[in-house]
PDB file of N, CA and C in Angstrom:
ATOM      1  N   MET A   1     -51.295-190.139 121.050  1.00  0.00           N
ATOM      2  CA  MET A   1     -50.544-189.235 120.349  1.00  0.00           C
ATOM      3  C   MET A   1     -49.004-189.715 120.555  1.00  0.00           C
ATOM      4  N   VAL A   2     -48.232-189.357 119.353  1.00  0.00           N
ATOM      5  CA  VAL A   2     -46.875-189.890 119.399  1.00  0.00           C
ATOM      6  C   VAL A   2     -46.007-188.914 120.035  1.00  0.00           C
ATOM      7  N   GLY A   3     -45.169-189.178 120.997  1.00  0.00           N
ATOM      8  CA  GLY A   3     -44.342-188.364 121.830  1.00  0.00           C
ATOM      9  C   GLY A   3     -43.097-187.892 121.015  1.00  0.00           C
ATOM     10  N   VAL A   4     -42.612-186.953 121.136  1.00  0.00           N
ATOM     11  CA  VAL A   4     -41.587-186.520 120.322  1.00  0.00           C
ATOM     12  C   VAL A   4     -40.390-185.961 121.517  1.00  0.00           C
ATOM     13  N   CYS A   5     -39.401-186.640 121.708  1.00  0.00           N
ATOM     14  CA  CYS A   5     -38.389-186.444 122.634  1.00  0.00           C
ATOM     15  C   CYS A   5     -37.469-185.126 122.219  1.00  0.00           C
ATOM     16  N   GLY A   6     -37.111-185.114 120.909  1.00  0.00           N
ATOM     17  CA  GLY A   6     -36.405-183.989 120.539  1.00  0.00           C
ATOM     18  C   GLY A   6     -36.077-183.826 119.158  1.00  0.00           C
ATOM     19  N   ILE A   7     -35.870-182.865 118.513  1.00  0.00           N
ATOM     20  CA  ILE A   7     -35.475-182.833 117.027  1.00  0.00           C
ATOM     21  C   ILE A   7     -34.260-181.909 117.106  1.00  0.00           C
ATOM     22  N   ILE A   8     -33.376-182.611 116.207  1.00  0.00           N
ATOM     23  CA  ILE A   8     -32.168-181.789 116.097  1.00  0.00           C
ATOM     24  C   ILE A   8     -31.948-181.519 114.428  1.00  0.00           C
ATOM     25  N   MET A   9     -31.820-180.223 114.402  1.00  0.00           N
ATOM     26  CA  MET A   9     -31.892-179.535 112.805  1.00  0.00           C
ATOM     27  C   MET A   9     -30.583-178.966 112.604  1.00  0.00           C
ATOM     28  N   VAL A  10     -29.883-179.318 111.501  1.00  0.00           N
ATOM     29  CA  VAL A  10     -28.667-178.719 111.064  1.00  0.00           C
ATOM     30  C   VAL A  10     -28.945-177.705 109.979  1.00  0.00           C
ATOM     31  N   VAL A  11     -28.549-176.437 110.289  1.00  0.00           N
ATOM     32  CA  VAL A  11     -28.777-175.339 109.662  1.00  0.00           C
ATOM     33  C   VAL A  11     -27.520-174.742 109.350  1.00  0.00           C
ATOM     34  N   GLY A  12     -26.798-174.841 108.214  1.00  0.00           N
ATOM     35  CA  GLY A  12     -25.417-174.378 107.858  1.00  0.00           C
ATOM     36  C   GLY A  12     -24.474-174.935 108.873  1.00  0.00           C
ATOM     37  N   ARG A  13     -23.891-173.911 109.705  1.00  0.00           N
ATOM     38  CA  ARG A  13     -22.685-174.469 110.755  1.00  0.00           C
ATOM     39  C   ARG A  13     -23.302-174.576 111.953  1.00  0.00           C
ATOM     40  N   THR A  14     -24.622-174.160 112.270  1.00  0.00           N
ATOM     41  CA  THR A  14     -25.271-174.106 113.630  1.00  0.00           C
ATOM     42  C   THR A  14     -25.980-175.387 113.936  1.00  0.00           C
ATOM     43  N   TRP A  15     -26.137-175.736 115.128  1.00  0.00           N
ATOM     44  CA  TRP A  15     -26.913-176.868 115.479  1.00  0.00           C
ATOM     45  C   TRP A  15     -27.826-176.241 116.267  1.00  0.00           C
ATOM     46  N   VAL A  16     -29.264-176.377 115.788  1.00  0.00           N
ATOM     47  CA  VAL A  16     -30.413-175.779 116.759  1.00  0.00           C
ATOM     48  C   VAL A  16     -31.004-177.013 117.386  1.00  0.00           C
ATOM     49  N   TYR A  17     -31.019-176.846 118.592  1.00  0.00           N
ATOM     50  CA  TYR A  17     -31.839-178.212 119.228  1.00  0.00           C
ATOM     51  C   TYR A  17     -33.080-177.556 119.788  1.00  0.00           C
ATOM     52  N   LEU A  18     -34.188-178.341 119.414  1.00  0.00           N
ATOM     53  CA  LEU A  18     -35.623-177.917 119.659  1.00  0.00           C
ATOM     54  C   LEU A  18     -36.144-179.183 120.484  1.00  0.00           C
ATOM     55  N   LYS A  19     -36.365-178.945 121.646  1.00  0.00           N
ATOM     56  CA  LYS A  19     -36.982-179.914 122.627  1.00  0.00           C
ATOM     57  C   LYS A  19     -38.569-179.852 122.540  1.00  0.00           C
ATOM     58  N   LEU A  20     -39.191-180.975 122.028  1.00  0.00           N
ATOM     59  CA  LEU A  20     -40.448-181.056 122.201  1.00  0.00           C
ATOM     60  C   LEU A  20     -40.943-182.249 122.989  1.00  0.00           C
ATOM     61  N   THR A  21     -41.616-181.883 124.253  1.00  0.00           N
ATOM     62  CA  THR A  21     -42.009-183.008 125.082  1.00  0.00           C
ATOM     63  C   THR A  21     -43.440-183.466 124.691  1.00  0.00           C
ATOM     64  N   GLN A  22     -43.983-184.541 125.312  1.00  0.00           N
ATOM     65  CA  GLN A  22     -45.362-185.032 125.025  1.00  0.00           C
ATOM     66  C   GLN A  22     -46.083-183.891 125.221  1.00  0.00           C
ATOM     67  N   LYS A  23     -46.158-183.292 126.270  1.00  0.00           N
ATOM     68  CA  LYS A  23     -47.132-182.150 126.691  1.00  0.00           C
ATOM     69  C   LYS A  23     -47.367-181.316 125.461  1.00  0.00           C
ATOM     70  N   LEU A  24     -46.213-180.964 124.919  1.00  0.00           N
ATOM     71  CA  LEU A  24     -46.103-180.022 123.775  1.00  0.00           C
ATOM     72  C   LEU A  24     -46.691-180.531 122.615  1.00  0.00           C
ATOM     73  N   SER A  25     -46.604-181.934 122.243  1.00  0.00           N
ATOM     74  CA  SER A  25     -47.233-182.495 121.216  1.00  0.00           C
ATOM     75  C   SER A  25     -48.741-182.759 121.548  1.00  0.00           C
ATOM     76  N   CYS A  26     -49.011-183.031 122.798  1.00  0.00           N
ATOM     77  CA  CYS A  26     -50.482-182.956 122.937  1.00  0.00           C
ATOM     78  C   CYS A  26     -51.125-181.811 122.975  1.00  0.00           C
ATOM     79  N   LEU A  27     -50.369-180.687 123.295  1.00  0.00           N
ATOM     80  CA  LEU A  27     -51.013-179.298 122.967  1.00  0.00           C
ATOM     81  C   LEU A  27     -51.040-178.906 121.670  1.00  0.00           C
ATOM     82  N   TRP A  28     -50.031-179.228 120.814  1.00  0.00           N
ATOM     83  CA  TRP A  28     -50.077-178.888 119.415  1.00  0.00           C
ATOM     84  C   TRP A  28     -50.049-180.188 118.545  1.00  0.00           C
ATOM     85  N   GLY A  29     -50.646-180.183 117.383  1.00  0.00           N
ATOM     86  CA  GLY A  29     -51.108-181.126 116.428  1.00  0.00           C
ATOM     87  C   GLY A  29     -49.957-181.428 115.711  1.00  0.00           C
ATOM     88  N   PRO A  30     -49.714-182.210 114.812  1.00  0.00           N
ATOM     89  CA  PRO A  30     -48.558-182.508 114.273  1.00  0.00           C
ATOM     90  C   PRO A  30     -48.273-181.406 112.946  1.00  0.00           C
ATOM     91  N   SER A  31     -49.504-180.855 112.438  1.00  0.00           N
ATOM     92  CA  SER A  31     -49.268-179.840 111.569  1.00  0.00           C
ATOM     93  C   SER A  31     -48.834-178.516 112.258  1.00  0.00           C
ATOM     94  N   GLN A  32     -49.112-178.321 113.397  1.00  0.00           N
ATOM     95  CA  GLN A  32     -48.705-177.075 114.086  1.00  0.00           C
ATOM     96  C   GLN A  32     -47.217-177.269 114.463  1.00  0.00           C
ATOM     97  N   VAL A  33     -46.766-178.524 114.915  1.00  0.00           N
ATOM     98  CA  VAL A  33     -45.193-178.691 114.982  1.00  0.00           C
ATOM     99  C   VAL A  33     -44.558-178.460 113.805  1.00  0.00           C
ATOM    100  N   GLU A  34     -44.949-179.006 112.568  1.00  0.00           N
ATOM    101  CA  GLU A  34     -44.259-178.861 111.451  1.00  0.00           C
ATOM    102  C   GLU A  34     -44.384-177.301 111.082  1.00  0.00           C
ATOM    103  N   GLU A  35     -45.372-176.551 111.174  1.00  0.00           N
ATOM    104  CA  GLU A  35     -45.283-175.145 111.146  1.00  0.00           C
ATOM    105  C   GLU A  35     -44.475-174.397 111.938  1.00  0.00           C
ATOM    106  N   ALA A  36     -44.181-174.727 113.088  1.00  0.00           N
ATOM    107  CA  ALA A  36     -43.298-174.293 114.165  1.00  0.00           C
ATOM    108  C   ALA A  36     -41.692-174.482 113.542  1.00  0.00           C
ATOM    109  N   LEU A  37     -41.715-175.809 113.110  1.00  0.00           N
ATOM    110  CA  LEU A  37     -40.268-176.061 112.665  1.00  0.00           C
ATOM    111  C   LEU A  37     -39.930-175.299 111.364  1.00  0.00           C
ATOM    112  N   LEU A  38     -40.884-175.145 110.507  1.00  0.00           N
ATOM    113  CA  LEU A  38     -40.864-174.369 109.282  1.00  0.00           C
ATOM    114  C   LEU A  38     -40.456-172.899 109.523  1.00  0.00           C
ATOM    115  N   ALA A  39     -41.189-172.229 110.487  1.00  0.00           N
ATOM    116  CA  ALA A  39     -41.011-170.953 110.918  1.00  0.00           C
ATOM    117  C   ALA A  39     -39.523-170.758 111.424  1.00  0.00           C
ATOM    118  N   LEU A  40     -39.153-171.754 112.281  1.00  0.00           N
ATOM    119  CA  LEU A  40     -37.726-171.611 112.775  1.00  0.00           C
ATOM    120  C   LEU A  40     -36.847-171.972 111.529  1.00  0.00           C
ATOM    121  N   GLN A  41     -37.062-172.609 110.863  1.00  0.00           N
ATOM    122  CA  GLN A  41     -36.180-172.889 109.525  1.00  0.00           C
ATOM    123  C   GLN A  41     -36.030-171.479 108.770  1.00  0.00           C
ATOM    124  N   ARG A  42     -37.095-170.982 108.637  1.00  0.00           N
ATOM    125  CA  ARG A  42     -37.126-169.756 107.842  1.00  0.00           C
ATOM    126  C   ARG A  42     -36.372-168.502 108.629  1.00  0.00           C
ATOM    127  N   GLU A  43     -36.667-168.482 109.817  1.00  0.00           N
ATOM    128  CA  GLU A  43     -35.916-167.575 110.659  1.00  0.00           C
ATOM    129  C   GLU A  43     -34.213-167.748 110.777  1.00  0.00           C
ATOM    130  N   MET A  44     -34.110-169.074 110.627  1.00  0.00           N
ATOM    131  CA  MET A  44     -32.579-169.265 110.807  1.00  0.00           C
ATOM    132  C   MET A  44     -32.028-168.824 109.503  1.00  0.00           C
ATOM    133  N   THR A  45     -32.606-169.265 108.274  1.00  0.00           N
ATOM    134  CA  THR A  45     -32.227-168.886 106.808  1.00  0.00           C
ATOM    135  C   THR A  45     -32.129-167.525 106.854  1.00  0.00           C
ATOM    136  N   ALA A  46     -33.250-166.658 107.541  1.00  0.00           N
ATOM    137  CA  ALA A  46     -32.947-165.266 107.361  1.00  0.00           C
ATOM    138  C   ALA A  46     -31.806-164.617 108.129  1.00  0.00           C
ATOM    139  N   ARG A  47     -31.455-165.200 109.318  1.00  0.00           N
ATOM    140  CA  ARG A  47     -30.322-164.813 110.055  1.00  0.00           C
ATOM    141  C   ARG A  47     -28.890-165.165 109.148  1.00  0.00           C
ATOM    142  N   PHE A  48     -28.855-166.373 108.703  1.00  0.00           N
ATOM    143  CA  PHE A  48     -27.784-166.694 107.888  1.00  0.00           C
ATOM    144  C   PHE A  48     -27.765-165.851 106.567  1.00  0.00           C
ATOM    145  N   GLU A  49     -28.706-165.266 106.140  1.00  0.00           N
ATOM    146  CA  GLU A  49     -28.533-164.181 104.911  1.00  0.00           C
ATOM    147  C   GLU A  49     -27.997-163.129 105.345  1.00  0.00           C
ATOM    148  N   VAL A  50     -28.529-162.595 106.499  1.00  0.00           N
ATOM    149  CA  VAL A  50     -27.908-161.250 107.019  1.00  0.00           C
ATOM    150  C   VAL A  50     -26.389-161.499 107.637  1.00  0.00           C
ATOM    151  N   VAL A  51     -26.021-162.629 108.114  1.00  0.00           N
ATOM    152  CA  VAL A  51     -24.444-162.830 108.457  1.00  0.00           C
ATOM    153  C   VAL A  51     -23.781-162.900 106.945  1.00  0.00           C
ATOM    154  N   ASP A  52     -24.374-163.706 106.069  1.00  0.00           N
ATOM    155  CA  ASP A  52     -23.579-163.728 104.582  1.00  0.00           C
ATOM    156  C   ASP A  52     -23.447-162.264 103.910  1.00  0.00           C
ATOM    157  N   LYS A  53     -24.437-161.336 104.113  1.00  0.00           N
ATOM    158  CA  LYS A  53     -24.347-159.906 103.945  1.00  0.00           C
ATOM    159  C   LYS A  53     -23.343-159.216 104.500  1.00  0.00           C
ATOM    160  N   ARG A  54     -23.148-159.512 105.810  1.00  0.00           N
ATOM    161  CA  ARG A  54     -22.119-158.830 106.758  1.00  0.00           C
ATOM    162  C   ARG A  54     -20.841-159.242 106.197  1.00  0.00           C
ATOM    163  N   PHE A  55     -20.483-160.540 105.908  1.00  0.00           N
ATOM    164  CA  PHE A  55     -19.432-161.073 105.626  1.00  0.00           C
ATOM    165  C   PHE A  55     -18.908-160.529 104.045  1.00  0.00           C
ATOM    166  N   GLU A  56     -20.051-160.305 103.204  1.00  0.00           N
ATOM    167  CA  GLU A  56     -19.669-159.942 101.627  1.00  0.00           C
ATOM    168  C   GLU A  56     -19.333-158.174 102.063  1.00  0.00           C
ATOM    169  N   ALA A  57     -19.998-157.723 102.999  1.00  0.00           N
ATOM    170  CA  ALA A  57     -19.342-156.183 103.203  1.00  0.00           C
ATOM    171  C   ALA A  57     -17.980-156.167 103.606  1.00  0.00           C
ATOM    172  N   VAL A  58     -17.751-156.948 104.715  1.00  0.00           N
ATOM    173  CA  VAL A  58     -16.476-157.058 105.370  1.00  0.00           C
ATOM    174  C   VAL A  58     -15.117-157.551 103.912  1.00  0.00           C
ATOM    175  N   ASP A  59     -15.581-158.348 103.145  1.00  0.00           N
ATOM    176  CA  ASP A  59     -14.957-158.698 102.084  1.00  0.00           C
ATOM    177  C   ASP A  59     -14.873-157.642 101.037  1.00  0.00           C
ATOM    178  N   LYS A  60     -15.694-156.832 100.896  1.00  0.00           N
ATOM    179  CA  LYS A  60     -15.702-155.679 100.013  1.00  0.00           C
ATOM    180  C   LYS A  60     -14.741-154.534 100.664  1.00  0.00           C
ATOM    181  N   ARG A  61     -14.776-154.377 101.940  1.00  0.00           N
ATOM    182  CA  ARG A  61     -13.607-153.484 102.596  1.00  0.00           C
ATOM    183  C   ARG A  61     -12.384-153.989 102.881  1.00  0.00           C
ATOM    184  N   PHE A  62     -12.181-155.340 102.766  1.00  0.00           N
ATOM    185  CA  PHE A  62     -10.887-155.904 102.911  1.00  0.00           C
ATOM    186  C   PHE A  62     -10.133-155.878 101.395  1.00  0.00           C
ATOM    187  N   GLU A  63     -11.011-155.951 100.529  1.00  0.00           N
ATOM    188  CA  GLU A  63     -10.409-155.870  99.133  1.00  0.00           C
ATOM    189  C   GLU A  63     -10.180-154.279  98.898  1.00  0.00           C
ATOM    190  N   ALA A  64     -10.915-153.268  99.092  1.00  0.00           N
ATOM    191  CA  ALA A  64     -10.503-151.766  99.076  1.00  0.00           C
ATOM    192  C   ALA A  64      -9.261-151.520  99.728  1.00  0.00           C
ATOM    193  N   MET A  65      -9.220-151.923 101.203  1.00  0.00           N
ATOM    194  CA  MET A  65      -8.089-151.805 101.775  1.00  0.00           C
ATOM    195  C   MET A  65      -6.695-152.343 100.963  1.00  0.00           C
ATOM    196  N   GLN A  66      -7.099-153.372 100.506  1.00  0.00           N
ATOM    197  CA  GLN A  66      -5.862-154.172  99.774  1.00  0.00           C
ATOM    198  C   GLN A  66      -5.512-153.438  98.587  1.00  0.00           C
ATOM    199  N   ARG A  67      -6.421-152.809  97.735  1.00  0.00           N
ATOM    200  CA  ARG A  67      -6.086-151.871  96.731  1.00  0.00           C
ATOM    201  C   ARG A  67      -5.400-150.775  96.974  1.00  0.00           C
ATOM    202  N   GLU A  68      -5.767-150.226  98.329  1.00  0.00           N
ATOM    203  CA  GLU A  68      -5.075-148.953  98.767  1.00  0.00           C
ATOM    204  C   GLU A  68      -3.663-149.306  99.162  1.00  0.00           C
ATOM    205  N   MET A  69      -3.466-150.474  99.807  1.00  0.00           N
ATOM    206  CA  MET A  69      -2.084-150.825  99.941  1.00  0.00           C
ATOM    207  C   MET A  69      -1.297-151.226  98.997  1.00  0.00           C
ATOM    208  N   ASP A  70      -1.693-151.877  98.025  1.00  0.00           N
ATOM    209  CA  ASP A  70      -1.034-152.000  96.725  1.00  0.00           C
ATOM    210  C   ASP A  70      -0.615-150.686  96.164  1.00  0.00           C
ATOM    211  N   LYS A  71      -1.386-149.779  95.948  1.00  0.00           N
ATOM    212  CA  LYS A  71      -1.299-148.465  95.500  1.00  0.00           C
ATOM    213  C   LYS A  71      -0.088-147.782  96.247  1.00  0.00           C
ATOM    214  N   GLY A  72      -0.012-147.971  97.617  1.00  0.00           N
ATOM    215  CA  GLY A  72       0.940-147.290  98.454  1.00  0.00           C
ATOM    216  C   GLY A  72       2.299-147.864  98.162  1.00  0.00           C
ATOM    217  N   PHE A  73       2.175-149.474  98.189  1.00  0.00           N
ATOM    218  CA  PHE A  73       3.489-150.084  97.902  1.00  0.00           C
ATOM    219  C   PHE A  73       3.981-149.827  96.477  1.00  0.00           C
ATOM    220  N   GLU A  74       3.157-149.547  95.314  1.00  0.00           N
ATOM    221  CA  GLU A  74       3.674-149.251  94.263  1.00  0.00           C
ATOM    222  C   GLU A  74       4.389-147.819  94.021  1.00  0.00           C
ATOM    223  N   ALA A  75       3.722-146.938  94.843  1.00  0.00           N
ATOM    224  CA  ALA A  75       4.388-145.599  94.930  1.00  0.00           C
ATOM    225  C   ALA A  75       5.822-145.605  95.725  1.00  0.00           C
ATOM    226  N   MET A  76       5.770-146.556  96.812  1.00  0.00           N
ATOM    227  CA  MET A  76       7.067-146.745  97.568  1.00  0.00           C
ATOM    228  C   MET A  76       8.006-147.232  96.579  1.00  0.00           C
ATOM    229  N   HIS A  77       7.609-148.268  95.933  1.00  0.00           N
ATOM    230  CA  HIS A  77       8.748-148.914  95.001  1.00  0.00           C
ATOM    231  C   HIS A  77       9.121-147.926  93.918  1.00  0.00           C
ATOM    232  N   VAL A  78       8.391-147.179  93.446  1.00  0.00           N
ATOM    233  CA  VAL A  78       8.804-145.985  92.571  1.00  0.00           C
ATOM    234  C   VAL A  78       9.887-144.842  93.208  1.00  0.00           C
ATOM    235  N   ARG A  79       9.512-144.737  94.640  1.00  0.00           N
ATOM    236  CA  ARG A  79      10.364-143.980  95.127  1.00  0.00           C
ATOM    237  C   ARG A  79      11.781-144.476  95.427  1.00  0.00           C
ATOM    238  N   PHE A  80      11.604-145.671  95.790  1.00  0.00           N
ATOM    239  CA  PHE A  80      13.043-146.479  95.916  1.00  0.00           C
ATOM    240  C   PHE A  80      13.749-146.789  94.660  1.00  0.00           C
ATOM    241  N   GLU A  81      13.141-146.997  93.293  1.00  0.00           N
ATOM    242  CA  GLU A  81      13.765-147.068  92.342  1.00  0.00           C
ATOM    243  C   GLU A  81      14.498-145.768  91.836  1.00  0.00           C
ATOM    244  N   SER A  82      13.842-144.393  92.080  1.00  0.00           N
ATOM    245  CA  SER A  82      14.396-143.341  91.998  1.00  0.00           C
ATOM    246  C   SER A  82      15.621-142.994  92.719  1.00  0.00           C
ATOM    247  N   LEU A  83      15.441-143.241  93.964  1.00  0.00           N
ATOM    248  CA  LEU A  83      16.613-143.323  94.918  1.00  0.00           C
ATOM    249  C   LEU A  83      17.791-144.189  94.499  1.00  0.00           C
ATOM    250  N   GLU A  84      17.496-145.459  94.280  1.00  0.00           N
ATOM    251  CA  GLU A  84      18.627-146.284  93.718  1.00  0.00           C
ATOM    252  C   GLU A  84      19.243-145.614  92.555  1.00  0.00           C
ATOM    253  N   LYS A  85      18.578-145.055  91.602  1.00  0.00           N
ATOM    254  CA  LYS A  85      19.169-144.351  90.512  1.00  0.00           C
ATOM    255  C   LYS A  85      20.056-143.349  90.773  1.00  0.00           C
ATOM    256  N   ARG A  86      19.453-142.446  91.935  1.00  0.00           N
ATOM    257  CA  ARG A  86      20.372-141.302  92.316  1.00  0.00           C
ATOM    258  C   ARG A  86      21.548-141.693  92.875  1.00  0.00           C
ATOM    259  N   LEU A  87      21.422-142.744  93.617  1.00  0.00           N
ATOM    260  CA  LEU A  87      22.552-143.431  94.663  1.00  0.00           C
ATOM    261  C   LEU A  87      23.622-144.283  93.674  1.00  0.00           C
ATOM    262  N   SER A  88      23.276-144.662  92.429  1.00  0.00           N
ATOM    263  CA  SER A  88      23.969-145.233  91.388  1.00  0.00           C
ATOM    264  C   SER A  88      24.847-144.146  90.859  1.00  0.00           C
ATOM    265  N   PHE A  89      24.287-143.069  90.542  1.00  0.00           N
ATOM    266  CA  PHE A  89      24.909-142.028  89.844  1.00  0.00           C
ATOM    267  C   PHE A  89      25.842-141.472  90.752  1.00  0.00           C
ATOM    268  N   LEU A  90      25.677-141.163  91.853  1.00  0.00           N
ATOM    269  CA  LEU A  90      26.287-140.555  93.095  1.00  0.00           C
ATOM    270  C   LEU A  90      27.736-141.708  93.090  1.00  0.00           C
ATOM    271  N   GLN A  91      27.444-142.916  93.091  1.00  0.00           N
ATOM    272  CA  GLN A  91      28.377-143.845  93.291  1.00  0.00           C
ATOM    273  C   GLN A  91      29.439-143.661  92.059  1.00  0.00           C
ATOM    274  N   TRP A  92      29.057-143.594  90.743  1.00  0.00           N
ATOM    275  CA  TRP A  92      29.819-143.553  89.629  1.00  0.00           C
ATOM    276  C   TRP A  92      30.617-142.233  89.751  1.00  0.00           C
ATOM    277  N   PHE A  93      29.923-141.419  90.026  1.00  0.00           N
ATOM    278  CA  PHE A  93      30.612-139.914  90.036  1.00  0.00           C
ATOM    279  C   PHE A  93      31.664-139.869  91.056  1.00  0.00           C
ATOM    280  N   MET A  94      31.497-140.357  92.309  1.00  0.00           N
ATOM    281  CA  MET A  94      32.604-140.636  93.279  1.00  0.00           C
ATOM    282  C   MET A  94      33.659-141.385  92.759  1.00  0.00           C
ATOM    283  N   ALA A  95      33.277-142.447  92.246  1.00  0.00           N
ATOM    284  CA  ALA A  95      34.360-143.421  91.721  1.00  0.00           C
ATOM    285  C   ALA A  95      35.267-142.512  90.566  1.00  0.00           C
ATOM    286  N   GLY A  96      34.461-141.899  89.798  1.00  0.00           N
ATOM    287  CA  GLY A  96      35.309-141.065  88.669  1.00  0.00           C
ATOM    288  C   GLY A  96      36.083-140.039  89.480  1.00  0.00           C
ATOM    289  N   GLY A  97      35.677-139.434  90.330  1.00  0.00           N
ATOM    290  CA  GLY A  97      36.490-138.361  91.000  1.00  0.00           C
ATOM    291  C   GLY A  97      37.614-138.884  91.689  1.00  0.00           C
ATOM    292  N   PHE A  98      37.301-140.164  92.389  1.00  0.00           N
ATOM    293  CA  PHE A  98      38.751-140.476  92.955  1.00  0.00           C
ATOM    294  C   PHE A  98      39.566-141.025  91.991  1.00  0.00           C
ATOM    295  N   THR A  99      38.975-141.603  90.896  1.00  0.00           N
ATOM    296  CA  THR A  99      40.069-141.919  89.877  1.00  0.00           C
ATOM    297  C   THR A  99      40.796-140.777  89.266  1.00  0.00           C
ATOM    298  N   PHE A 100      40.068-139.774  88.931  1.00  0.00           N
ATOM    299  CA  PHE A 100      40.676-138.567  88.359  1.00  0.00           C
ATOM    300  C   PHE A 100      41.831-138.025  89.494  1.00  0.00           C
ATOM    301  N   LEU A 101      41.365-137.935  90.818  1.00  0.00           N
ATOM    302  CA  LEU A 101      42.174-137.385  91.641  1.00  0.00           C
ATOM    303  C   LEU A 101      43.584-138.314  91.784  1.00  0.00           C
ATOM    304  N   SER A 102      43.389-139.500  91.892  1.00  0.00           N
ATOM    305  CA  SER A 102      44.469-140.418  92.001  1.00  0.00           C
ATOM    306  C   SER A 102      45.528-140.201  90.652  1.00  0.00           C
ATOM    307  N   ILE A 103      44.724-140.352  89.672  1.00  0.00           N
ATOM    308  CA  ILE A 103      45.506-140.044  88.545  1.00  0.00           C
ATOM    309  C   ILE A 103      46.442-138.614  88.221  1.00  0.00           C
ATOM    310  N   LEU A 104      45.642-137.604  88.707  1.00  0.00           N
ATOM    311  CA  LEU A 104      46.308-136.369  88.945  1.00  0.00           C
ATOM    312  C   LEU A 104      47.418-136.397  90.056  1.00  0.00           C
ATOM    313  N   ILE A 105      46.997-136.930  90.971  1.00  0.00           N
ATOM    314  CA  ILE A 105      48.282-136.989  91.967  1.00  0.00           C
ATOM    315  C   ILE A 105      49.573-137.850  91.533  1.00  0.00           C
ATOM    316  N   THR A 106      49.153-138.956  90.881  1.00  0.00           N
ATOM    317  CA  THR A 106      50.304-139.729  90.379  1.00  0.00           C
ATOM    318  C   THR A 106      51.074-138.930  89.243  1.00  0.00           C
ATOM    319  N   ILE A 107      50.590-138.089  88.426  1.00  0.00           N
ATOM    320  CA  ILE A 107      51.139-137.386  87.341  1.00  0.00           C
ATOM    321  C   ILE A 107      51.839-136.115  88.009  1.00  0.00           C
ATOM    322  N   ILE A 108      51.486-135.657  89.190  1.00  0.00           N
ATOM    323  CA  ILE A 108      52.090-134.515  89.848  1.00  0.00           C
ATOM    324  C   ILE A 108      53.361-135.214  90.605  1.00  0.00           C
ATOM    325  N   ASN A 109      53.078-136.333  91.265  1.00  0.00           N
ATOM    326  CA  ASN A 109      54.457-136.986  91.782  1.00  0.00           C
ATOM    327  C   ASN A 109      55.442-137.564  90.839  1.00  0.00           C
ATOM    328  N   MET A 110      55.150-137.823  89.333  1.00  0.00           N
ATOM    329  CA  MET A 110      55.960-138.319  88.597  1.00  0.00           C
ATOM    330  C   MET A 110      56.683-136.850  87.955  1.00  0.00           C
ATOM    331  N   LEU A 111      55.966-135.943  87.988  1.00  0.00           N
ATOM    332  CA  LEU A 111      56.769-134.649  87.525  1.00  0.00           C
ATOM    333  C   LEU A 111      57.740-134.048  88.491  1.00  0.00           C
ATOM    334  N   LYS A 112      57.673-134.268  89.728  1.00  0.00           N
ATOM    335  CA  LYS A 112      58.561-133.709  90.784  1.00  0.00           C
ATOM    336  C   LYS A 112      60.020-134.214  90.515  1.00  0.00           C
TER     337      LYS A 112
END
């Protein structure tokens, strides 16, 4: 029988090392080793699919949180715009009042 020292399979980003010795290859025939490798490959594929589903769920939650944060920022932007309008009105009102008072004081001082 042919002895197999080891097989390295690359599945996605994970390295799975499966060490098969001569005893194992003597106990199992080549078809059994291939079946074991195929079973391992199916198991790893299933695990990666589960991990992918988890990442998709996390992505969905992140997108939902991002939409909620965007709504909050839009509401805050609207509030700041209204505050800016009120402060602008107050600024012009105070400037007009000081101008009116300074003109009134000037006229009173001229009439004395």
